[in-house]
Amino acid sequence: MNKLNGLLYGIISSASFGLIPLFAIPAMQHGMDFMNVISYRFLFATIALAVLLKIRKVPFSIEKSDLPTLLLLSFFYLISSVFLLWGYKFMPSGVATTIHFMYPVITTLVLMLFFHEKNSLFRTLAILMAIGGVYALSYSDSQGETNMLGVIIVLISAVGYALYLVTVGQRKNQSLKGLKLTFYVFLFSTVILLAGMSSTGNLHSIPDLTTAGNLLLLAIIPTIVSNLTLIEAIKYIGATQTSVLGAMEPVTAVIVGIAVFGEAFTFTIAVGIILIISAVTIIILKR
């Protein structure tokens, strides 16, 4: 039963994260730009995380030495979130989410280049497969032309999240983790976002109740639900198997894109998705 529970939690965690387009795109279609969508997502998620920590009686105190690391983590997480939603403007959301899912491959590259982690034939193969997958996914329009701007934007999103993960792994204070770490990353990100948006006059009110509902769900499901089930999955089946189940993230986004937003699904997109998911799975299992 523990194994089954772990598998279910892992699937729910990755699938819920893949639902970002389901709530973000309708909000943008109602006239909100992606920066406002992200600002409200982070604000609502921060409030929800604070309530959750209070209910679980987790102390909010942190050490002053953690502040620089938390600010750096917030910056990387912001980069990842902003560029992912920006990428939705240039390519189908399922394709963008699949390219973003390359972050384990980029994490491995960073560790090899800057932290002297050893290379292997399998990792080289995975990296080449991931590059081939991105190349296939870049042919996403009806004319078969490469949307290089969209690809570059979403790759920056993947790099941001990879650097976030590397920083989490390399930080000195490993006691700050889980929901408490997520809360402070979102808190600092929210402060940075609201300060920047307010100072430039670009922060707008939510236009209607439907958009408010989408923004609230965007904050809760891909953030709170995803994090809670992730922690439970790791507890039952470990980090490796949980990471492999992360393949549900792009699969869910592709299904949502096709079923809800009428996005195209071509042979090259299918090949790209298979190559990237296979590459990420090889990286995770070899690790």
C-alpha atoms as a PDB file:
ATOM      1  CA  MET A   1       0.000   0.000   0.000  1.00  0.00           C
ATOM      2  CA  ASN A   2       2.883   2.377   0.749  1.00  0.00           C
ATOM      3  CA  LYS A   3       4.297   1.749  -2.731  1.00  0.00           C
ATOM      4  CA  LEU A   4       0.888   2.329  -4.319  1.00  0.00           C
ATOM      5  CA  ASN A   5       0.337   5.498  -2.284  1.00  0.00           C
ATOM      6  CA  GLY A   6       3.764   6.767  -3.336  1.00  0.00           C
ATOM      7  CA  LEU A   7       3.033   6.140  -7.019  1.00  0.00           C
ATOM      8  CA  LEU A   8      -0.333   7.912  -6.757  1.00  0.00           C
ATOM      9  CA  TYR A   9       1.216  10.897  -4.956  1.00  0.00           C
ATOM     10  CA  GLY A  10       3.991  11.093  -7.567  1.00  0.00           C
ATOM     11  CA  ILE A  11       1.536  11.049 -10.463  1.00  0.00           C
ATOM     12  CA  ILE A  12      -0.689  13.673  -8.812  1.00  0.00           C
ATOM     13  CA  SER A  13       2.328  15.881  -8.102  1.00  0.00           C
ATOM     14  CA  SER A  14       3.666  15.941 -11.665  1.00  0.00           C
ATOM     15  CA  ALA A  15       0.219  16.022 -13.292  1.00  0.00           C
ATOM     16  CA  SER A  16      -0.916  18.950 -11.137  1.00  0.00           C
ATOM     17  CA  PHE A  17       2.199  20.909 -12.110  1.00  0.00           C
ATOM     18  CA  GLY A  18       1.347  20.203 -15.744  1.00  0.00           C
ATOM     19  CA  LEU A  19      -2.001  21.971 -15.251  1.00  0.00           C
ATOM     20  CA  ILE A  20      -0.378  25.435 -15.258  1.00  0.00           C
ATOM     21  CA  PRO A  21      -1.625  26.173 -18.819  1.00  0.00           C
ATOM     22  CA  LEU A  22      -5.200  25.182 -17.879  1.00  0.00           C
ATOM     23  CA  PHE A  23      -5.475  28.144 -15.494  1.00  0.00           C
ATOM     24  CA  ALA A  24      -2.860  30.581 -16.823  1.00  0.00           C
ATOM     25  CA  ILE A  25      -3.965  30.749 -20.469  1.00  0.00           C
ATOM     26  CA  PRO A  26      -7.654  31.589 -19.735  1.00  0.00           C
ATOM     27  CA  ALA A  27      -6.494  34.396 -17.427  1.00  0.00           C
ATOM     28  CA  MET A  28      -4.306  35.776 -20.216  1.00  0.00           C
ATOM     29  CA  GLN A  29      -7.182  35.404 -22.683  1.00  0.00           C
ATOM     30  CA  HIS A  30      -9.284  37.615 -20.384  1.00  0.00           C
ATOM     31  CA  GLY A  31      -6.876  40.506 -20.883  1.00  0.00           C
ATOM     32  CA  MET A  32      -4.252  39.933 -18.175  1.00  0.00           C
ATOM     33  CA  ASP A  33      -0.632  39.960 -19.344  1.00  0.00           C
ATOM     34  CA  PHE A  34       1.589  37.110 -18.203  1.00  0.00           C
ATOM     35  CA  MET A  35       3.461  39.275 -15.655  1.00  0.00           C
ATOM     36  CA  ASN A  36       0.206  40.101 -13.835  1.00  0.00           C
ATOM     37  CA  VAL A  37      -0.803  36.436 -13.947  1.00  0.00           C
ATOM     38  CA  ILE A  38       2.510  35.460 -12.341  1.00  0.00           C
ATOM     39  CA  SER A  39       2.266  38.247  -9.733  1.00  0.00           C
ATOM     40  CA  TYR A  40      -1.160  37.104  -8.528  1.00  0.00           C
ATOM     41  CA  ARG A  41      -0.156  33.448  -8.686  1.00  0.00           C
ATOM     42  CA  PHE A  42       2.800  34.099  -6.377  1.00  0.00           C
ATOM     43  CA  LEU A  43       0.763  36.344  -4.058  1.00  0.00           C
ATOM     44  CA  PHE A  44      -2.045  33.811  -3.598  1.00  0.00           C
ATOM     45  CA  ALA A  45       0.413  30.913  -3.280  1.00  0.00           C
ATOM     46  CA  THR A  46       2.400  32.762  -0.594  1.00  0.00           C
ATOM     47  CA  ILE A  47      -0.763  33.379   1.442  1.00  0.00           C
ATOM     48  CA  ALA A  48      -1.854  29.736   1.066  1.00  0.00           C
ATOM     49  CA  LEU A  49       1.594  28.440   2.057  1.00  0.00           C
ATOM     50  CA  ALA A  50       1.638  30.712   5.119  1.00  0.00           C
ATOM     51  CA  VAL A  51      -1.752  29.351   6.227  1.00  0.00           C
ATOM     52  CA  LEU A  52      -0.555  25.781   5.660  1.00  0.00           C
ATOM     53  CA  LEU A  53       2.624  26.315   7.693  1.00  0.00           C
ATOM     54  CA  LYS A  54       0.538  27.868  10.483  1.00  0.00           C
ATOM     55  CA  ILE A  55      -1.842  24.889  10.510  1.00  0.00           C
ATOM     56  CA  ARG A  56       1.126  22.479  10.649  1.00  0.00           C
ATOM     57  CA  LYS A  57       2.685  24.609  13.420  1.00  0.00           C
ATOM     58  CA  VAL A  58       5.940  25.016  11.505  1.00  0.00           C
ATOM     59  CA  PRO A  59       7.966  27.968  12.892  1.00  0.00           C
ATOM     60  CA  PHE A  60       8.564  30.828  10.431  1.00  0.00           C
ATOM     61  CA  SER A  61      11.975  31.717  11.844  1.00  0.00           C
ATOM     62  CA  ILE A  62      15.047  31.467   9.611  1.00  0.00           C
ATOM     63  CA  GLU A  63      18.724  32.292  10.051  1.00  0.00           C
ATOM     64  CA  LYS A  64      20.119  35.547   8.637  1.00  0.00           C
ATOM     65  CA  SER A  65      22.739  33.535   6.768  1.00  0.00           C
ATOM     66  CA  ASP A  66      19.905  31.962   4.721  1.00  0.00           C
ATOM     67  CA  LEU A  67      18.770  35.293   3.248  1.00  0.00           C
ATOM     68  CA  PRO A  68      21.305  35.556   0.369  1.00  0.00           C
ATOM     69  CA  THR A  69      20.588  31.974  -0.708  1.00  0.00           C
ATOM     70  CA  LEU A  70      16.825  32.496  -0.515  1.00  0.00           C
ATOM     71  CA  LEU A  71      17.082  35.651  -2.617  1.00  0.00           C
ATOM     72  CA  LEU A  72      19.131  33.786  -5.222  1.00  0.00           C
ATOM     73  CA  LEU A  73      16.646  30.910  -5.235  1.00  0.00           C
ATOM     74  CA  SER A  74      13.775  33.386  -5.631  1.00  0.00           C
ATOM     75  CA  PHE A  75      15.526  35.005  -8.595  1.00  0.00           C
ATOM     76  CA  PHE A  76      16.054  31.665 -10.375  1.00  0.00           C
ATOM     77  CA  TYR A  77      12.469  30.535  -9.657  1.00  0.00           C
ATOM     78  CA  LEU A  78      11.126  33.841 -10.966  1.00  0.00           C
ATOM     79  CA  ILE A  79      13.163  33.524 -14.156  1.00  0.00           C
ATOM     80  CA  SER A  80      11.764  30.025 -14.666  1.00  0.00           C
ATOM     81  CA  SER A  81       8.128  31.041 -14.045  1.00  0.00           C
ATOM     82  CA  VAL A  82       8.203  34.263 -16.070  1.00  0.00           C
ATOM     83  CA  PHE A  83       9.859  32.766 -19.137  1.00  0.00           C
ATOM     84  CA  LEU A  84       7.604  29.671 -19.133  1.00  0.00           C
ATOM     85  CA  LEU A  85       4.415  31.760 -19.253  1.00  0.00           C
ATOM     86  CA  TRP A  86       6.016  34.132 -21.760  1.00  0.00           C
ATOM     87  CA  GLY A  87       6.768  31.109 -23.931  1.00  0.00           C
ATOM     88  CA  TYR A  88       3.033  30.313 -24.111  1.00  0.00           C
ATOM     89  CA  LYS A  89       2.673  33.412 -26.322  1.00  0.00           C
ATOM     90  CA  PHE A  90       4.961  31.918 -28.990  1.00  0.00           C
ATOM     91  CA  MET A  91       4.177  28.199 -29.046  1.00  0.00           C
ATOM     92  CA  PRO A  92       1.589  25.633 -27.891  1.00  0.00           C
ATOM     93  CA  SER A  93       1.548  25.288 -24.107  1.00  0.00           C
ATOM     94  CA  GLY A  94       2.164  21.523 -24.279  1.00  0.00           C
ATOM     95  CA  VAL A  95       5.263  22.030 -26.420  1.00  0.00           C
ATOM     96  CA  ALA A  96       6.549  24.793 -24.109  1.00  0.00           C
ATOM     97  CA  THR A  97       6.031  22.656 -20.992  1.00  0.00           C
ATOM     98  CA  THR A  98       7.840  19.719 -22.612  1.00  0.00           C
ATOM     99  CA  ILE A  99      10.863  21.895 -23.449  1.00  0.00           C
ATOM    100  CA  HIS A 100      10.795  23.239 -19.867  1.00  0.00           C
ATOM    101  CA  PHE A 101      10.864  19.595 -18.683  1.00  0.00           C
ATOM    102  CA  MET A 102      14.464  19.435 -19.962  1.00  0.00           C
ATOM    103  CA  TYR A 103      15.639  20.950 -16.664  1.00  0.00           C
ATOM    104  CA  PRO A 104      17.092  17.643 -15.302  1.00  0.00           C
ATOM    105  CA  VAL A 105      19.293  17.426 -18.417  1.00  0.00           C
ATOM    106  CA  ILE A 106      20.437  21.041 -17.947  1.00  0.00           C
ATOM    107  CA  THR A 107      21.034  20.378 -14.239  1.00  0.00           C
ATOM    108  CA  THR A 108      23.341  17.506 -15.208  1.00  0.00           C
ATOM    109  CA  LEU A 109      25.188  19.752 -17.682  1.00  0.00           C
ATOM    110  CA  VAL A 110      25.694  22.439 -15.003  1.00  0.00           C
ATOM    111  CA  LEU A 111      27.004  19.873 -12.508  1.00  0.00           C
ATOM    112  CA  MET A 112      29.384  18.456 -15.129  1.00  0.00           C
ATOM    113  CA  LEU A 113      30.700  21.868 -16.225  1.00  0.00           C
ATOM    114  CA  PHE A 114      30.977  23.667 -12.893  1.00  0.00           C
ATOM    115  CA  PHE A 115      31.006  20.997 -10.169  1.00  0.00           C
ATOM    116  CA  HIS A 116      33.204  18.378 -11.915  1.00  0.00           C
ATOM    117  CA  GLU A 117      30.565  15.657 -11.993  1.00  0.00           C
ATOM    118  CA  LYS A 118      31.749  12.807 -14.218  1.00  0.00           C
ATOM    119  CA  ASN A 119      30.305  12.329 -17.678  1.00  0.00           C
ATOM    120  CA  SER A 120      29.253   8.963 -19.094  1.00  0.00           C
ATOM    121  CA  LEU A 121      28.090   7.466 -22.363  1.00  0.00           C
ATOM    122  CA  PHE A 122      24.506   7.333 -21.107  1.00  0.00           C
ATOM    123  CA  ARG A 123      24.505  11.008 -20.100  1.00  0.00           C
ATOM    124  CA  THR A 124      26.008  12.041 -23.438  1.00  0.00           C
ATOM    125  CA  LEU A 125      23.306  10.012 -25.206  1.00  0.00           C
ATOM    126  CA  ALA A 126      20.589  11.624 -23.053  1.00  0.00           C
ATOM    127  CA  ILE A 127      21.875  15.129 -23.798  1.00  0.00           C
ATOM    128  CA  LEU A 128      21.911  14.423 -27.543  1.00  0.00           C
ATOM    129  CA  MET A 129      18.384  12.964 -27.345  1.00  0.00           C
ATOM    130  CA  ALA A 130      17.162  16.065 -25.501  1.00  0.00           C
ATOM    131  CA  ILE A 131      18.716  18.353 -28.146  1.00  0.00           C
ATOM    132  CA  GLY A 132      17.013  16.288 -30.854  1.00  0.00           C
ATOM    133  CA  GLY A 133      13.717  16.551 -28.972  1.00  0.00           C
ATOM    134  CA  VAL A 134      13.931  20.339 -28.780  1.00  0.00           C
ATOM    135  CA  TYR A 135      14.780  20.486 -32.493  1.00  0.00           C
ATOM    136  CA  ALA A 136      11.685  18.402 -33.300  1.00  0.00           C
ATOM    137  CA  LEU A 137       9.435  20.498 -31.039  1.00  0.00           C
ATOM    138  CA  SER A 138      10.673  23.733 -32.589  1.00  0.00           C
ATOM    139  CA  TYR A 139       8.745  22.854 -35.772  1.00  0.00           C
ATOM    140  CA  SER A 140       5.403  23.670 -34.193  1.00  0.00           C
ATOM    141  CA  ASP A 141       3.533  25.780 -36.742  1.00  0.00           C
ATOM    142  CA  SER A 142       1.622  24.746 -39.852  1.00  0.00           C
ATOM    143  CA  GLN A 143       4.365  25.961 -42.214  1.00  0.00           C
ATOM    144  CA  GLY A 144       7.003  23.873 -40.448  1.00  0.00           C
ATOM    145  CA  GLU A 145       9.071  26.952 -39.631  1.00  0.00           C
ATOM    146  CA  THR A 146      11.235  27.013 -36.536  1.00  0.00           C
ATOM    147  CA  ASN A 147       9.969  29.368 -33.826  1.00  0.00           C
ATOM    148  CA  MET A 148      13.437  30.069 -32.469  1.00  0.00           C
ATOM    149  CA  LEU A 149      12.370  32.974 -30.232  1.00  0.00           C
ATOM    150  CA  GLY A 150       9.847  30.779 -28.421  1.00  0.00           C
ATOM    151  CA  VAL A 151      12.363  27.946 -28.076  1.00  0.00           C
ATOM    152  CA  ILE A 152      15.011  30.272 -26.615  1.00  0.00           C
ATOM    153  CA  ILE A 153      12.520  31.822 -24.162  1.00  0.00           C
ATOM    154  CA  VAL A 154      11.373  28.424 -22.830  1.00  0.00           C
ATOM    155  CA  LEU A 155      14.939  27.096 -22.694  1.00  0.00           C
ATOM    156  CA  ILE A 156      15.783  30.068 -20.441  1.00  0.00           C
ATOM    157  CA  SER A 157      12.878  28.927 -18.244  1.00  0.00           C
ATOM    158  CA  ALA A 158      14.409  25.430 -18.046  1.00  0.00           C
ATOM    159  CA  VAL A 159      17.858  26.899 -17.260  1.00  0.00           C
ATOM    160  CA  GLY A 160      16.327  29.016 -14.479  1.00  0.00           C
ATOM    161  CA  TYR A 161      14.737  25.970 -12.846  1.00  0.00           C
ATOM    162  CA  ALA A 162      17.907  23.896 -13.280  1.00  0.00           C
ATOM    163  CA  LEU A 163      19.940  26.615 -11.520  1.00  0.00           C
ATOM    164  CA  TYR A 164      17.278  26.701  -8.806  1.00  0.00           C
ATOM    165  CA  LEU A 165      17.695  22.949  -8.224  1.00  0.00           C
ATOM    166  CA  VAL A 166      21.503  23.159  -8.256  1.00  0.00           C
ATOM    167  CA  THR A 167      21.402  26.000  -5.703  1.00  0.00           C
ATOM    168  CA  VAL A 168      19.018  24.013  -3.480  1.00  0.00           C
ATOM    169  CA  GLY A 169      21.405  21.054  -3.581  1.00  0.00           C
ATOM    170  CA  GLN A 170      24.576  23.081  -2.986  1.00  0.00           C
ATOM    171  CA  ARG A 171      23.370  25.347  -0.147  1.00  0.00           C
ATOM    172  CA  LYS A 172      25.007  24.997   3.259  1.00  0.00           C
ATOM    173  CA  ASN A 173      21.901  24.914   5.476  1.00  0.00           C
ATOM    174  CA  GLN A 174      20.113  21.702   4.433  1.00  0.00           C
ATOM    175  CA  SER A 175      17.674  21.925   7.365  1.00  0.00           C
ATOM    176  CA  LEU A 176      15.634  24.580   5.549  1.00  0.00           C
ATOM    177  CA  LYS A 177      13.620  22.532   3.059  1.00  0.00           C
ATOM    178  CA  GLY A 178      10.170  21.388   1.968  1.00  0.00           C
ATOM    179  CA  LEU A 179       7.218  23.715   2.372  1.00  0.00           C
ATOM    180  CA  LYS A 180       9.136  26.198   4.509  1.00  0.00           C
ATOM    181  CA  LEU A 181      11.762  26.674   1.802  1.00  0.00           C
ATOM    182  CA  THR A 182       9.014  26.962  -0.841  1.00  0.00           C
ATOM    183  CA  PHE A 183       7.168  29.550   1.276  1.00  0.00           C
ATOM    184  CA  TYR A 184      10.189  31.852   1.547  1.00  0.00           C
ATOM    185  CA  VAL A 185      11.046  31.467  -2.145  1.00  0.00           C
ATOM    186  CA  PHE A 186       7.495  32.500  -3.034  1.00  0.00           C
ATOM    187  CA  LEU A 187       7.443  35.261  -0.396  1.00  0.00           C
ATOM    188  CA  PHE A 188      10.616  36.917  -1.685  1.00  0.00           C
ATOM    189  CA  SER A 189       9.527  36.381  -5.300  1.00  0.00           C
ATOM    190  CA  THR A 190       6.179  38.043  -4.532  1.00  0.00           C
ATOM    191  CA  VAL A 191       7.872  41.043  -2.915  1.00  0.00           C
ATOM    192  CA  ILE A 192      10.194  41.440  -5.929  1.00  0.00           C
ATOM    193  CA  LEU A 193       7.304  41.091  -8.396  1.00  0.00           C
ATOM    194  CA  LEU A 194       4.889  43.449  -6.639  1.00  0.00           C
ATOM    195  CA  ALA A 195       7.588  46.068  -6.029  1.00  0.00           C
ATOM    196  CA  GLY A 196       8.655  46.010  -9.685  1.00  0.00           C
ATOM    197  CA  MET A 197       5.126  45.947 -11.105  1.00  0.00           C
ATOM    198  CA  SER A 198       3.867  48.700  -8.770  1.00  0.00           C
ATOM    199  CA  SER A 199       6.821  50.998  -9.418  1.00  0.00           C
ATOM    200  CA  THR A 200       6.291  50.778 -13.187  1.00  0.00           C
ATOM    201  CA  GLY A 201       2.505  51.094 -12.932  1.00  0.00           C
ATOM    202  CA  ASN A 202       1.960  47.746 -14.656  1.00  0.00           C
ATOM    203  CA  LEU A 203       0.141  45.990 -11.797  1.00  0.00           C
ATOM    204  CA  HIS A 204      -3.553  45.791 -12.707  1.00  0.00           C
ATOM    205  CA  SER A 205      -6.615  44.627 -10.811  1.00  0.00           C
ATOM    206  CA  ILE A 206      -8.251  41.280 -11.584  1.00  0.00           C
ATOM    207  CA  PRO A 207     -10.898  41.949 -14.273  1.00  0.00           C
ATOM    208  CA  ASP A 208     -13.613  39.455 -13.243  1.00  0.00           C
ATOM    209  CA  LEU A 209     -14.525  36.576 -10.926  1.00  0.00           C
ATOM    210  CA  THR A 210     -13.734  33.916 -13.532  1.00  0.00           C
ATOM    211  CA  THR A 211     -10.164  35.209 -13.857  1.00  0.00           C
ATOM    212  CA  ALA A 212      -9.887  35.447 -10.050  1.00  0.00           C
ATOM    213  CA  GLY A 213     -10.914  31.790  -9.808  1.00  0.00           C
ATOM    214  CA  ASN A 214      -8.334  30.753 -12.414  1.00  0.00           C
ATOM    215  CA  LEU A 215      -5.585  32.689 -10.627  1.00  0.00           C
ATOM    216  CA  LEU A 216      -6.532  31.124  -7.284  1.00  0.00           C
ATOM    217  CA  LEU A 217      -6.523  27.627  -8.783  1.00  0.00           C
ATOM    218  CA  LEU A 218      -3.205  28.416 -10.509  1.00  0.00           C
ATOM    219  CA  ALA A 219      -1.742  29.258  -7.100  1.00  0.00           C
ATOM    220  CA  ILE A 220      -3.170  26.225  -5.302  1.00  0.00           C
ATOM    221  CA  ILE A 221      -3.058  23.243  -7.682  1.00  0.00           C
ATOM    222  CA  PRO A 222       0.357  23.579  -9.444  1.00  0.00           C
ATOM    223  CA  THR A 223       1.933  24.942  -6.247  1.00  0.00           C
ATOM    224  CA  ILE A 224       0.347  23.751  -2.989  1.00  0.00           C
ATOM    225  CA  VAL A 225      -1.051  20.421  -4.202  1.00  0.00           C
ATOM    226  CA  SER A 226       2.062  19.699  -6.294  1.00  0.00           C
ATOM    227  CA  ASN A 227       4.445  20.383  -3.399  1.00  0.00           C
ATOM    228  CA  LEU A 228       2.441  18.477  -0.774  1.00  0.00           C
ATOM    229  CA  THR A 229       2.081  15.369  -2.945  1.00  0.00           C
ATOM    230  CA  LEU A 230       5.745  15.607  -3.983  1.00  0.00           C
ATOM    231  CA  ILE A 231       6.850  15.422  -0.342  1.00  0.00           C
ATOM    232  CA  GLU A 232       4.545  12.450   0.300  1.00  0.00           C
ATOM    233  CA  ALA A 233       5.735  10.651  -2.853  1.00  0.00           C
ATOM    234  CA  ILE A 234       9.394  10.990  -1.886  1.00  0.00           C
ATOM    235  CA  LYS A 235       8.573   9.685   1.593  1.00  0.00           C
ATOM    236  CA  TYR A 236       6.976   6.509   0.214  1.00  0.00           C
ATOM    237  CA  ILE A 237       8.970   5.644  -2.935  1.00  0.00           C
ATOM    238  CA  GLY A 238      12.099   7.835  -2.824  1.00  0.00           C
ATOM    239  CA  ALA A 239      13.362  10.711  -4.949  1.00  0.00           C
ATOM    240  CA  THR A 240      14.395   8.671  -8.018  1.00  0.00           C
ATOM    241  CA  GLN A 241      11.054   7.019  -8.744  1.00  0.00           C
ATOM    242  CA  THR A 242       9.248  10.268  -7.922  1.00  0.00           C
ATOM    243  CA  SER A 243      11.430  12.086 -10.453  1.00  0.00           C
ATOM    244  CA  VAL A 244      10.680   9.497 -13.148  1.00  0.00           C
ATOM    245  CA  LEU A 245       6.955  10.011 -12.546  1.00  0.00           C
ATOM    246  CA  GLY A 246       7.613  13.688 -13.295  1.00  0.00           C
ATOM    247  CA  ALA A 247       7.118  12.720 -16.954  1.00  0.00           C
ATOM    248  CA  MET A 248       3.391  13.193 -16.277  1.00  0.00           C
ATOM    249  CA  GLU A 249       4.068  16.955 -16.221  1.00  0.00           C
ATOM    250  CA  PRO A 250       4.575  17.489 -19.989  1.00  0.00           C
ATOM    251  CA  VAL A 251       2.103  14.704 -20.858  1.00  0.00           C
ATOM    252  CA  THR A 252      -0.632  16.459 -18.856  1.00  0.00           C
ATOM    253  CA  ALA A 253       0.195  19.821 -20.435  1.00  0.00           C
ATOM    254  CA  VAL A 254       0.029  18.312 -23.937  1.00  0.00           C
ATOM    255  CA  ILE A 255      -3.342  16.656 -23.206  1.00  0.00           C
ATOM    256  CA  VAL A 256      -4.727  19.928 -21.806  1.00  0.00           C
ATOM    257  CA  GLY A 257      -3.414  21.849 -24.817  1.00  0.00           C
ATOM    258  CA  ILE A 258      -5.061  19.475 -27.286  1.00  0.00           C
ATOM    259  CA  ALA A 259      -8.346  18.869 -25.424  1.00  0.00           C
ATOM    260  CA  VAL A 260      -8.994  22.363 -24.045  1.00  0.00           C
ATOM    261  CA  PHE A 261      -7.178  24.803 -26.335  1.00  0.00           C
ATOM    262  CA  GLY A 262      -7.282  22.870 -29.610  1.00  0.00           C
ATOM    263  CA  GLU A 263      -3.497  22.814 -30.016  1.00  0.00           C
ATOM    264  CA  ALA A 264      -2.085  20.764 -32.881  1.00  0.00           C
ATOM    265  CA  PHE A 265      -0.445  17.401 -32.273  1.00  0.00           C
ATOM    266  CA  THR A 266       1.851  16.398 -35.113  1.00  0.00           C
ATOM    267  CA  PHE A 267       4.293  13.546 -35.679  1.00  0.00           C
ATOM    268  CA  THR A 268       7.306  15.816 -34.999  1.00  0.00           C
ATOM    269  CA  ILE A 269       5.755  16.991 -31.713  1.00  0.00           C
ATOM    270  CA  ALA A 270       5.202  13.345 -30.680  1.00  0.00           C
ATOM    271  CA  VAL A 271       8.831  12.507 -31.552  1.00  0.00           C
ATOM    272  CA  GLY A 272      10.096  15.541 -29.618  1.00  0.00           C
ATOM    273  CA  ILE A 273       8.092  14.643 -26.514  1.00  0.00           C
ATOM    274  CA  ILE A 274       9.276  11.013 -26.585  1.00  0.00           C
ATOM    275  CA  LEU A 275      12.934  12.053 -27.018  1.00  0.00           C
ATOM    276  CA  ILE A 276      12.868  14.567 -24.163  1.00  0.00           C
ATOM    277  CA  ILE A 277      10.995  12.294 -21.721  1.00  0.00           C
ATOM    278  CA  SER A 278      13.373   9.420 -22.582  1.00  0.00           C
ATOM    279  CA  ALA A 279      16.425  11.659 -22.108  1.00  0.00           C
ATOM    280  CA  VAL A 280      15.211  12.898 -18.724  1.00  0.00           C
ATOM    281  CA  THR A 281      14.392   9.336 -17.607  1.00  0.00           C
ATOM    282  CA  ILE A 282      17.924   8.158 -18.525  1.00  0.00           C
ATOM    283  CA  ILE A 283      19.468  11.078 -16.598  1.00  0.00           C
ATOM    284  CA  ILE A 284      17.348  10.357 -13.495  1.00  0.00           C
ATOM    285  CA  LEU A 285      17.909   6.579 -13.489  1.00  0.00           C
ATOM    286  CA  LYS A 286      21.673   6.899 -14.041  1.00  0.00           C
ATOM    287  CA  ARG A 287      21.827   9.376 -11.162  1.00  0.00           C
END
